[in-house]
Amino acid sequence: MGDTHLCPKFEKAFELLGKKWIGLIINGLLNGPRRFSDIRSLIPELSDRVLTARFKELEAEGIIERKVYPETPVRIEYNLTEKGLALQKAMSEIQKWADIWIK
């Protein structure tokens, strides 16, 4: 195990994906667009303030997009971008690992 230096891209990916709630939010969006309240229902321990912050981070990274429908009342949905959908295989592998190793 000679090289102990982490790849900067790998490190940045884990810095983002390792933040509390990020993985669960992404997982919640894998089956299609959801509204703010849908994600809150999926993750009841997550506060509105933190969910708003995480959505902004994920949007800034190009992992999700926010779509506003000009209806009354206004409807806002969040969905994964191509970049976000590319995480599907990794999320599936994490689920397989968890099924085996997490008690």
Protein backbone atom coordinates (compact mmCIF):
# COMPACT_ATOMS: atom_id res chain seq x y z
CA MET A 1 0.00 0.00 0.00
CA GLY A 2 2.58 2.51 -1.16
CA ASP A 3 0.65 5.64 -2.14
CA THR A 4 -1.36 7.05 0.76
CA HIS A 5 -2.26 10.31 -1.00
CA LEU A 6 -5.96 10.65 -1.79
CA CYS A 7 -7.05 11.88 -5.18
CA PRO A 8 -8.37 15.46 -4.74
CA LYS A 9 -11.50 14.64 -6.77
CA PHE A 10 -12.23 11.58 -4.64
CA GLU A 11 -11.71 13.64 -1.51
CA LYS A 12 -14.04 16.40 -2.75
CA ALA A 13 -16.72 13.84 -3.69
CA PHE A 14 -16.66 12.32 -0.20
CA GLU A 15 -16.63 15.76 1.39
CA LEU A 16 -19.91 16.54 -0.37
CA LEU A 17 -21.57 13.12 -0.27
CA GLY A 18 -20.50 12.55 3.33
CA LYS A 19 -22.42 15.55 4.64
CA LYS A 20 -25.31 14.60 6.85
CA TRP A 21 -28.54 13.99 4.91
CA ILE A 22 -27.01 14.42 1.42
CA GLY A 23 -27.07 10.70 0.60
CA LEU A 24 -30.63 10.31 1.83
CA ILE A 25 -31.79 13.32 -0.18
CA ILE A 26 -30.16 11.96 -3.34
CA ASN A 27 -31.64 8.54 -2.68
CA GLY A 28 -35.07 10.12 -2.27
CA LEU A 29 -34.76 11.76 -5.68
CA LEU A 30 -33.61 8.65 -7.56
CA ASN A 31 -37.20 7.67 -8.39
CA GLY A 32 -38.05 11.01 -9.92
CA PRO A 33 -38.90 14.60 -9.06
CA ARG A 34 -40.11 15.42 -5.57
CA ARG A 35 -41.36 18.45 -3.75
CA PHE A 36 -39.79 19.86 -0.60
CA SER A 37 -42.53 18.32 1.55
CA ASP A 38 -42.00 14.90 -0.06
CA ILE A 39 -38.35 14.85 1.00
CA ARG A 40 -39.28 16.10 4.48
CA SER A 41 -41.74 13.19 4.77
CA LEU A 42 -39.05 10.71 3.71
CA ILE A 43 -36.57 12.10 6.26
CA PRO A 44 -38.64 13.36 9.22
CA GLU A 45 -35.56 14.14 11.37
CA LEU A 46 -34.34 16.65 8.77
CA SER A 47 -35.21 20.28 9.57
CA ASP A 48 -36.55 22.69 6.95
CA ARG A 49 -33.49 24.91 7.42
CA VAL A 50 -31.00 22.11 6.80
CA LEU A 51 -32.98 20.70 3.86
CA THR A 52 -33.02 24.14 2.25
CA ALA A 53 -29.24 24.44 2.75
CA ARG A 54 -28.60 20.94 1.34
CA PHE A 55 -30.80 21.62 -1.69
CA LYS A 56 -28.80 24.80 -2.37
CA GLU A 57 -25.50 22.91 -2.06
CA LEU A 58 -26.66 20.13 -4.37
CA GLU A 59 -27.99 22.66 -6.87
CA ALA A 60 -24.71 24.61 -6.80
CA GLU A 61 -22.82 21.37 -7.50
CA GLY A 62 -25.11 20.59 -10.46
CA ILE A 63 -26.47 17.42 -8.85
CA ILE A 64 -30.08 18.58 -8.60
CA GLU A 65 -32.18 21.16 -10.33
CA ARG A 66 -35.05 23.19 -8.97
CA LYS A 67 -38.04 23.59 -11.25
CA VAL A 68 -40.67 26.24 -10.51
CA TYR A 69 -44.13 25.79 -12.01
CA PRO A 70 -45.98 29.11 -12.34
CA GLU A 71 -49.25 27.86 -10.90
CA THR A 72 -51.39 29.07 -8.05
CA PRO A 73 -50.12 28.12 -5.59
CA VAL A 74 -46.60 27.97 -6.99
CA ARG A 75 -45.29 24.41 -7.24
CA ILE A 76 -41.57 23.70 -6.90
CA GLU A 77 -40.00 20.33 -7.66
CA TYR A 78 -36.46 19.07 -7.27
CA ASN A 79 -34.96 16.41 -9.47
CA LEU A 80 -31.59 14.90 -10.19
CA THR A 81 -29.60 16.16 -13.14
CA GLU A 82 -27.58 13.83 -15.38
CA LYS A 83 -24.71 14.32 -12.92
CA GLY A 84 -26.99 13.35 -10.02
CA LEU A 85 -28.43 10.34 -11.82
CA ALA A 86 -24.87 9.12 -12.40
CA LEU A 87 -24.77 8.41 -8.64
CA GLN A 88 -27.47 5.73 -8.95
CA LYS A 89 -25.04 2.83 -9.34
CA ALA A 90 -22.94 4.02 -6.39
CA MET A 91 -26.06 4.41 -4.23
CA SER A 92 -27.18 0.91 -5.20
CA GLU A 93 -23.78 -0.52 -4.21
CA ILE A 94 -23.90 1.30 -0.87
CA GLN A 95 -27.35 -0.21 -0.26
CA LYS A 96 -26.02 -3.71 -1.04
CA TRP A 97 -23.10 -3.16 1.34
CA ALA A 98 -25.43 -1.87 4.07
CA ASP A 99 -27.76 -4.86 3.66
CA ILE A 100 -24.83 -7.18 4.35
CA TRP A 101 -22.79 -5.30 6.93
CA ILE A 102 -25.03 -2.89 8.86
CA LYS A 103 -26.90 -4.48 11.73
